[in-house]
């Protein structure tokens, strides 16, 4: 818990430093101040990250001046400006979590007088930088296996985020950060001898909350936490009692905290498309499932095949190592949820970045690159 508090403090202080940097529109004096503060706190967190953070700042500064980082504020929460996000969540408002996610941009808008879109662009740029940092940290976990992993993960993730920033809707940027947090924690557990701790679940819960900018991305994160963490627990524990404990504790916590909100959002989407089973089928038109709507027979064929697909996946995964099981399950979750939303399917991007970086690290492991 002490480590979690240190990381939280570091996150806040880094955000403040980045804010000072943004206020001056990248003035050289505050750039120097920003780097000093950044280096000081990253030295506490992980000295190996310093050189990568410097490069992120340089690359993102160029990207900002090329107008790559321009995002539109989340439209659903515009009517909530001036409200208290915590009160909205406690009162069960359906857009409460989304407003909370966007609130740093709102606060920046009110404090500094920036336009909402400009404030949200600064905020999303900071989030994308955090995504790159997480990928670099994932590379550092693999450095003993693949000597160039940190450099490769850095290069692939930073150019991927630049492409995302140019093409993607800003509403999804926090969701990508959320799923990346969850993936990082899970792969960190996989590469260690430890099992999940309370602080791990708290951090993954934060990742889940960041993913609530869309109902579909929310479901991807929820399934990712539940199913992939369960597979990891099965791999780590040799006895049935810890496994039963995992199921009971996680089920109780997530259903108590999130159950009502999740059901509200599911019902909202179903009702929008007609309600009930009809709404479920009509929702396919919103995602990859529109292919199935060419013929009603395809929909029924998919429904009938689901049990067989599940059994096939179980047997296939029995012959794979745990890392491949995690990757396959993550991709499956993204694609199945993506049947009901195109944007939801794009949650596959972080795991795709990880796969490309992992494969590239293996290929380049014969050589050593210095950075």
Protein backbone atom coordinates (compact mmCIF):
# COMPACT_ATOMS: atom_id res chain seq x y z
CA UNK A 1 0.00 0.00 0.00
CA UNK A 2 2.95 2.31 0.73
CA UNK A 3 4.26 1.72 -2.81
CA UNK A 4 0.79 2.46 -4.22
CA UNK A 5 0.74 5.81 -2.37
CA UNK A 6 4.19 6.69 -3.74
CA UNK A 7 3.10 5.89 -7.30
CA UNK A 8 -0.09 7.94 -6.83
CA UNK A 9 1.93 10.91 -5.58
CA UNK A 10 4.34 10.56 -8.47
CA UNK A 11 1.44 10.46 -10.93
CA UNK A 12 -0.05 13.68 -9.49
CA UNK A 13 3.26 15.52 -9.44
CA UNK A 14 4.10 14.45 -12.99
CA UNK A 15 0.71 15.67 -14.14
CA UNK A 16 1.30 19.05 -12.46
CA UNK A 17 4.71 19.27 -14.14
CA UNK A 18 3.16 18.48 -17.50
CA UNK A 19 0.50 21.11 -16.86
CA UNK A 20 3.12 23.77 -16.23
CA UNK A 21 4.76 22.70 -19.46
CA UNK A 22 1.49 23.04 -21.36
CA UNK A 23 0.61 26.44 -19.87
CA UNK A 24 3.63 28.02 -21.51
CA UNK A 25 2.93 26.34 -24.84
CA UNK A 26 6.25 24.52 -24.57
CA UNK A 27 8.35 27.54 -23.57
CA UNK A 28 11.99 26.57 -23.13
CA UNK A 29 12.20 27.64 -19.46
CA UNK A 30 9.28 25.51 -18.37
CA UNK A 31 10.51 22.71 -20.59
CA UNK A 32 13.68 22.64 -18.50
CA UNK A 33 11.64 22.78 -15.28
CA UNK A 34 9.41 20.00 -16.56
CA UNK A 35 12.37 17.73 -17.33
CA UNK A 36 13.97 18.41 -13.93
CA UNK A 37 10.80 17.53 -12.02
CA UNK A 38 10.17 14.55 -14.28
CA UNK A 39 13.67 13.15 -13.86
CA UNK A 40 13.63 13.66 -10.09
CA UNK A 41 10.50 11.62 -9.53
CA UNK A 42 11.26 9.00 -12.14
CA UNK A 43 14.57 8.47 -10.37
CA UNK A 44 12.53 7.44 -7.34
CA UNK A 45 10.22 5.23 -9.39
CA UNK A 46 12.60 3.60 -11.85
CA UNK A 47 15.93 5.08 -12.98
CA UNK A 48 15.80 2.95 -16.16
CA UNK A 49 12.81 4.98 -17.40
CA UNK A 50 14.51 8.38 -17.41
CA UNK A 51 16.02 8.25 -20.90
CA UNK A 52 12.76 7.00 -22.38
CA UNK A 53 10.74 9.76 -20.72
CA UNK A 54 13.09 12.38 -22.16
CA UNK A 55 12.56 10.92 -25.63
CA UNK A 56 8.78 10.84 -25.12
CA UNK A 57 8.80 14.54 -24.19
CA UNK A 58 10.86 15.40 -27.27
CA UNK A 59 8.78 13.31 -29.70
CA UNK A 60 5.47 14.49 -28.25
CA UNK A 61 6.63 18.12 -28.33
CA UNK A 62 7.23 17.77 -32.06
CA UNK A 63 3.88 15.98 -32.44
CA UNK A 64 2.06 18.75 -30.56
CA UNK A 65 3.55 21.43 -32.77
CA UNK A 66 2.46 19.42 -35.83
CA UNK A 67 -1.12 19.45 -34.43
CA UNK A 68 -1.22 15.65 -34.12
CA UNK A 69 -2.67 15.81 -30.60
CA UNK A 70 -6.04 17.43 -31.22
CA UNK A 71 -9.03 15.78 -29.53
CA UNK A 72 -12.69 16.68 -29.03
CA UNK A 73 -14.09 16.70 -25.49
CA UNK A 74 -16.47 13.81 -24.61
CA UNK A 75 -19.86 15.08 -25.91
CA UNK A 76 -22.09 13.07 -23.53
CA UNK A 77 -20.82 14.95 -20.48
CA UNK A 78 -21.04 18.53 -21.82
CA UNK A 79 -24.37 19.00 -20.03
CA UNK A 80 -22.71 18.04 -16.72
CA UNK A 81 -20.18 20.87 -16.66
CA UNK A 82 -20.13 22.50 -13.25
CA UNK A 83 -21.31 19.33 -11.48
CA UNK A 84 -19.44 17.33 -8.87
CA UNK A 85 -18.39 14.02 -10.52
CA UNK A 86 -18.32 12.11 -7.22
CA UNK A 87 -21.88 13.20 -6.39
CA UNK A 88 -23.01 12.14 -9.86
CA UNK A 89 -21.53 8.67 -9.39
CA UNK A 90 -23.01 8.28 -5.91
CA UNK A 91 -26.41 9.33 -7.27
CA UNK A 92 -26.15 6.69 -10.00
CA UNK A 93 -25.96 9.06 -12.97
CA UNK A 94 -25.18 7.04 -16.09
CA UNK A 95 -22.55 9.50 -17.31
CA UNK A 96 -20.96 10.02 -13.87
CA UNK A 97 -17.89 7.80 -14.49
CA UNK A 98 -17.26 9.39 -17.90
CA UNK A 99 -17.43 12.87 -16.39
CA UNK A 100 -15.00 11.82 -13.65
CA UNK A 101 -12.54 10.56 -16.29
CA UNK A 102 -12.79 13.84 -18.21
CA UNK A 103 -12.73 16.01 -15.07
CA UNK A 104 -8.97 16.84 -15.15
CA UNK A 105 -9.60 18.52 -18.52
CA UNK A 106 -12.64 20.34 -17.09
CA UNK A 107 -10.59 21.54 -14.12
CA UNK A 108 -7.83 22.75 -16.46
CA UNK A 109 -10.48 24.55 -18.52
CA UNK A 110 -11.90 26.32 -15.47
CA UNK A 111 -8.56 27.09 -13.82
CA UNK A 112 -6.56 28.26 -16.82
CA UNK A 113 -9.25 29.43 -19.22
CA UNK A 114 -8.30 27.04 -22.01
CA UNK A 115 -11.03 25.81 -24.32
CA UNK A 116 -12.45 22.42 -23.40
CA UNK A 117 -11.06 20.77 -26.51
CA UNK A 118 -7.59 22.25 -25.92
CA UNK A 119 -7.62 21.13 -22.28
CA UNK A 120 -8.82 17.67 -23.26
CA UNK A 121 -6.07 17.48 -25.91
CA UNK A 122 -3.41 18.22 -23.26
CA UNK A 123 -4.97 15.62 -20.98
CA UNK A 124 -5.09 12.93 -23.70
CA UNK A 125 -1.50 13.69 -24.71
CA UNK A 126 -0.43 13.04 -21.13
CA UNK A 127 -2.43 9.79 -21.10
CA UNK A 128 -0.80 8.59 -24.33
CA UNK A 129 2.62 9.31 -22.82
CA UNK A 130 1.64 7.17 -19.81
CA UNK A 131 0.67 4.34 -22.17
CA UNK A 132 4.15 4.46 -23.72
CA UNK A 133 5.73 4.40 -20.25
CA UNK A 134 3.73 1.27 -19.37
CA UNK A 135 4.92 -0.47 -22.53
CA UNK A 136 8.52 0.47 -21.74
CA UNK A 137 8.04 -0.98 -18.25
CA UNK A 138 6.69 -4.15 -19.87
CA UNK A 139 9.85 -4.24 -21.98
CA UNK A 140 11.98 -3.87 -18.86
CA UNK A 141 10.25 -6.93 -17.40
CA UNK A 142 11.42 -8.93 -20.42
CA UNK A 143 14.95 -7.50 -20.61
CA UNK A 144 16.51 -10.59 -19.04
CA UNK A 145 15.02 -12.73 -21.83
CA UNK A 146 15.36 -10.26 -24.70
CA UNK A 147 18.10 -7.69 -24.23
CA UNK A 148 16.54 -5.11 -26.58
CA UNK A 149 12.98 -5.42 -25.26
CA UNK A 150 12.78 -1.94 -23.60
CA UNK A 151 14.01 -0.15 -26.73
CA UNK A 152 11.78 -2.19 -29.04
CA UNK A 153 8.70 -1.71 -26.83
CA UNK A 154 9.44 2.03 -26.66
CA UNK A 155 9.80 2.49 -30.42
CA UNK A 156 6.74 0.45 -31.36
CA UNK A 157 4.50 1.96 -28.67
CA UNK A 158 5.47 5.59 -29.25
CA UNK A 159 4.89 5.41 -33.00
CA UNK A 160 1.66 3.49 -32.41
CA UNK A 161 0.38 6.21 -30.06
CA UNK A 162 1.27 8.89 -32.59
CA UNK A 163 -0.81 7.04 -35.20
CA UNK A 164 -3.65 6.62 -32.70
CA UNK A 165 -3.52 10.32 -31.83
CA UNK A 166 -3.81 11.25 -35.49
CA UNK A 167 -6.66 8.92 -36.44
CA UNK A 168 -8.62 7.95 -33.32
CA UNK A 169 -11.51 9.50 -31.41
CA UNK A 170 -10.26 11.15 -28.21
CA UNK A 171 -13.08 9.53 -26.25
CA UNK A 172 -11.31 6.18 -26.49
CA UNK A 173 -7.86 7.33 -25.35
CA UNK A 174 -8.63 6.86 -21.61
CA UNK A 175 -10.07 3.41 -22.40
CA UNK A 176 -6.83 2.39 -24.13
CA UNK A 177 -4.94 3.57 -21.07
CA UNK A 178 -7.27 1.56 -18.83
CA UNK A 179 -6.84 -1.73 -20.72
CA UNK A 180 -3.06 -1.12 -20.93
CA UNK A 181 -2.90 -0.75 -17.13
CA UNK A 182 -4.77 -4.04 -16.74
CA UNK A 183 -2.60 -5.84 -19.31
CA UNK A 184 0.60 -4.54 -17.73
CA UNK A 185 -0.41 -5.74 -14.28
CA UNK A 186 -1.39 -9.17 -15.60
CA UNK A 187 1.81 -9.67 -17.60
CA UNK A 188 3.83 -8.44 -14.62
CA UNK A 189 2.23 -11.13 -12.46
CA UNK A 190 2.88 -13.68 -15.19
CA UNK A 191 6.60 -12.78 -15.22
CA UNK A 192 6.92 -13.02 -11.43
CA UNK A 193 6.55 -15.68 -8.75
CA UNK A 194 3.82 -13.72 -6.99
CA UNK A 195 0.04 -13.77 -7.21
CA UNK A 196 -2.32 -10.80 -7.27
CA UNK A 197 -2.37 -8.54 -4.21
CA UNK A 198 -4.97 -6.03 -3.04
CA UNK A 199 -2.96 -3.17 -4.56
CA UNK A 200 -2.92 -5.00 -7.92
CA UNK A 201 -6.71 -5.22 -7.90
CA UNK A 202 -7.03 -1.57 -6.91
CA UNK A 203 -4.83 -0.54 -9.84
CA UNK A 204 -6.77 -2.81 -12.24
CA UNK A 205 -9.99 -1.30 -10.89
CA UNK A 206 -8.62 2.14 -11.83
CA UNK A 207 -7.96 0.69 -15.27
CA UNK A 208 -11.55 -0.49 -15.43
CA UNK A 209 -12.88 2.95 -14.45
CA UNK A 210 -10.81 4.58 -17.20
CA UNK A 211 -12.43 2.16 -19.65
CA UNK A 212 -15.97 3.32 -18.88
CA UNK A 213 -15.84 5.99 -21.60
CA UNK A 214 -17.81 3.45 -23.64
CA UNK A 215 -20.12 0.61 -22.59
CA UNK A 216 -18.30 -1.79 -24.88
CA UNK A 217 -14.79 -0.88 -23.72
CA UNK A 218 -16.06 -1.19 -20.15
CA UNK A 219 -17.16 -4.79 -20.80
CA UNK A 220 -13.81 -5.64 -22.41
CA UNK A 221 -11.95 -4.45 -19.29
CA UNK A 222 -14.33 -6.24 -16.94
CA UNK A 223 -13.92 -9.56 -18.79
CA UNK A 224 -10.17 -9.01 -19.05
CA UNK A 225 -9.85 -8.58 -15.30
CA UNK A 226 -12.15 -11.49 -14.46
CA UNK A 227 -11.15 -14.17 -16.99
CA UNK A 228 -7.44 -13.52 -17.57
CA UNK A 229 -6.78 -12.97 -13.85
CA UNK A 230 -8.58 -16.26 -13.18
CA UNK A 231 -6.33 -18.08 -15.67
CA UNK A 232 -3.27 -16.59 -13.98
CA UNK A 233 -4.57 -17.63 -10.56
CA UNK A 234 -5.11 -21.18 -11.82
CA UNK A 235 -1.52 -21.20 -13.03
CA UNK A 236 -0.10 -19.81 -9.77
CA UNK A 237 -2.14 -21.76 -7.20
CA UNK A 238 -1.84 -25.51 -6.68
CA UNK A 239 -4.77 -25.88 -4.29
CA UNK A 240 -8.50 -25.46 -4.74
CA UNK A 241 -9.12 -23.20 -1.71
CA UNK A 242 -7.25 -20.12 -3.07
CA UNK A 243 -9.04 -20.56 -6.39
CA UNK A 244 -12.46 -20.68 -4.70
CA UNK A 245 -11.45 -17.65 -2.64
CA UNK A 246 -10.51 -15.80 -5.85
CA UNK A 247 -13.92 -16.49 -7.40
CA UNK A 248 -15.91 -15.52 -4.29
CA UNK A 249 -13.91 -12.39 -3.40
CA UNK A 250 -13.73 -11.05 -6.97
CA UNK A 251 -17.35 -11.88 -7.71
CA UNK A 252 -18.55 -10.20 -4.51
CA UNK A 253 -16.39 -7.09 -4.92
CA UNK A 254 -17.11 -6.45 -8.58
CA UNK A 255 -20.81 -7.23 -8.46
CA UNK A 256 -21.32 -5.16 -5.31
CA UNK A 257 -19.38 -2.17 -6.67
CA UNK A 258 -20.16 -2.41 -10.35
CA UNK A 259 -23.15 -4.71 -10.79
CA UNK A 260 -25.88 -2.04 -10.72
CA UNK A 261 -23.97 0.32 -13.02
CA UNK A 262 -23.07 -2.45 -15.48
CA UNK A 263 -26.68 -3.64 -15.67
CA UNK A 264 -27.89 -0.05 -16.14
CA UNK A 265 -25.53 0.49 -19.09
CA UNK A 266 -26.40 -2.88 -20.66
CA UNK A 267 -30.13 -2.16 -20.39
CA UNK A 268 -29.60 1.34 -21.79
CA UNK A 269 -27.94 -0.06 -24.90
CA UNK A 270 -30.46 -2.87 -25.32
CA UNK A 271 -33.40 -0.47 -24.99
CA UNK A 272 -31.86 1.90 -27.52
CA UNK A 273 -31.84 -0.92 -30.08
CA UNK A 274 -35.31 -2.24 -29.29
CA UNK A 275 -34.95 -4.04 -25.97
CA UNK A 276 -34.56 -7.69 -25.00
CA UNK A 277 -33.30 -10.28 -27.46
CA UNK A 278 -34.38 -8.08 -30.39
CA UNK A 279 -32.17 -5.28 -29.04
CA UNK A 280 -29.25 -7.71 -28.72
CA UNK A 281 -29.57 -8.76 -32.36
CA UNK A 282 -30.01 -5.17 -33.55
CA UNK A 283 -26.88 -4.13 -31.63
CA UNK A 284 -24.88 -6.27 -34.05
CA UNK A 285 -25.43 -3.54 -36.65
CA UNK A 286 -23.29 -1.22 -34.52
CA UNK A 287 -20.20 -3.43 -34.67
CA UNK A 288 -18.42 -6.19 -36.52
CA UNK A 289 -21.60 -8.23 -36.18
CA UNK A 290 -23.20 -6.27 -39.04
CA UNK A 291 -21.62 -8.93 -41.30
CA UNK A 292 -23.94 -11.49 -39.72
CA UNK A 293 -27.03 -9.39 -40.41
CA UNK A 294 -26.70 -10.12 -44.12
CA UNK A 295 -28.73 -13.23 -43.34
CA UNK A 296 -30.71 -14.12 -40.15
CA UNK A 297 -29.45 -17.68 -40.56
CA UNK A 298 -25.88 -16.50 -39.89
CA UNK A 299 -26.94 -15.06 -36.52
CA UNK A 300 -28.61 -18.30 -35.45
CA UNK A 301 -25.64 -20.29 -36.74
CA UNK A 302 -23.29 -18.20 -34.58
CA UNK A 303 -25.49 -18.70 -31.51
CA UNK A 304 -25.59 -22.47 -32.06
CA UNK A 305 -21.83 -22.62 -32.62
CA UNK A 306 -20.82 -20.66 -29.49
CA UNK A 307 -20.71 -23.77 -27.19
CA UNK A 308 -18.60 -25.65 -29.73
CA UNK A 309 -16.29 -22.65 -30.23
CA UNK A 310 -15.83 -22.46 -26.46
CA UNK A 311 -15.01 -26.18 -26.17
CA UNK A 312 -12.58 -25.92 -29.10
CA UNK A 313 -10.81 -22.93 -27.49
CA UNK A 314 -10.48 -24.81 -24.20
CA UNK A 315 -8.84 -27.81 -25.87
CA UNK A 316 -6.56 -25.61 -27.99
CA UNK A 317 -5.43 -23.64 -24.96
CA UNK A 318 -4.58 -26.78 -22.98
CA UNK A 319 -1.58 -27.25 -25.24
CA UNK A 320 -0.35 -23.66 -24.99
CA UNK A 321 1.77 -21.89 -22.40
CA UNK A 322 0.06 -19.47 -20.06
CA UNK A 323 1.25 -16.33 -21.90
CA UNK A 324 -0.29 -17.47 -25.19
CA UNK A 325 -3.51 -18.38 -23.37
CA UNK A 326 -3.67 -14.86 -21.98
CA UNK A 327 -3.04 -13.29 -25.40
CA UNK A 328 -5.58 -15.51 -27.19
CA UNK A 329 -8.22 -14.88 -24.51
CA UNK A 330 -7.64 -11.11 -24.67
CA UNK A 331 -8.01 -11.08 -28.46
CA UNK A 332 -11.15 -13.26 -28.20
CA UNK A 333 -12.70 -10.89 -25.63
CA UNK A 334 -12.03 -7.84 -27.83
CA UNK A 335 -13.43 -9.47 -30.97
CA UNK A 336 -16.55 -10.89 -29.29
CA UNK A 337 -17.37 -7.58 -27.60
CA UNK A 338 -16.46 -5.87 -30.87
CA UNK A 339 -19.36 -7.69 -32.53
CA UNK A 340 -21.55 -5.03 -30.88
CA UNK A 341 -19.33 -1.98 -31.46
CA UNK A 342 -16.54 -1.06 -33.86
CA UNK A 343 -14.85 1.16 -31.28
CA UNK A 344 -14.97 -1.71 -28.80
CA UNK A 345 -13.10 -3.95 -31.25
CA UNK A 346 -10.25 -1.40 -31.31
CA UNK A 347 -9.45 -2.34 -27.71
CA UNK A 348 -7.41 -5.06 -29.40
CA UNK A 349 -4.80 -2.40 -30.30
CA UNK A 350 -2.82 -2.50 -26.99
CA UNK A 351 -2.47 -6.29 -27.06
CA UNK A 352 -1.53 -6.07 -30.74
CA UNK A 353 1.20 -3.54 -29.85
CA UNK A 354 2.41 -5.94 -27.16
CA UNK A 355 2.47 -8.87 -29.61
CA UNK A 356 4.39 -6.95 -32.28
CA UNK A 357 6.86 -5.61 -29.70
CA UNK A 358 7.31 -9.08 -28.17
CA UNK A 359 7.95 -10.73 -31.54
CA UNK A 360 10.30 -7.92 -32.59
CA UNK A 361 12.19 -8.26 -29.30
CA UNK A 362 12.72 -11.95 -29.97
CA UNK A 363 13.94 -11.28 -33.52
CA UNK A 364 16.37 -8.53 -32.47
CA UNK A 365 17.64 -10.37 -29.39
CA UNK A 366 20.68 -11.55 -31.39
CA UNK A 367 21.92 -7.97 -31.41
CA UNK A 368 22.37 -5.43 -28.64
CA UNK A 369 21.27 -1.83 -29.13
CA UNK A 370 22.35 0.87 -26.71
CA UNK A 371 20.15 3.85 -25.90
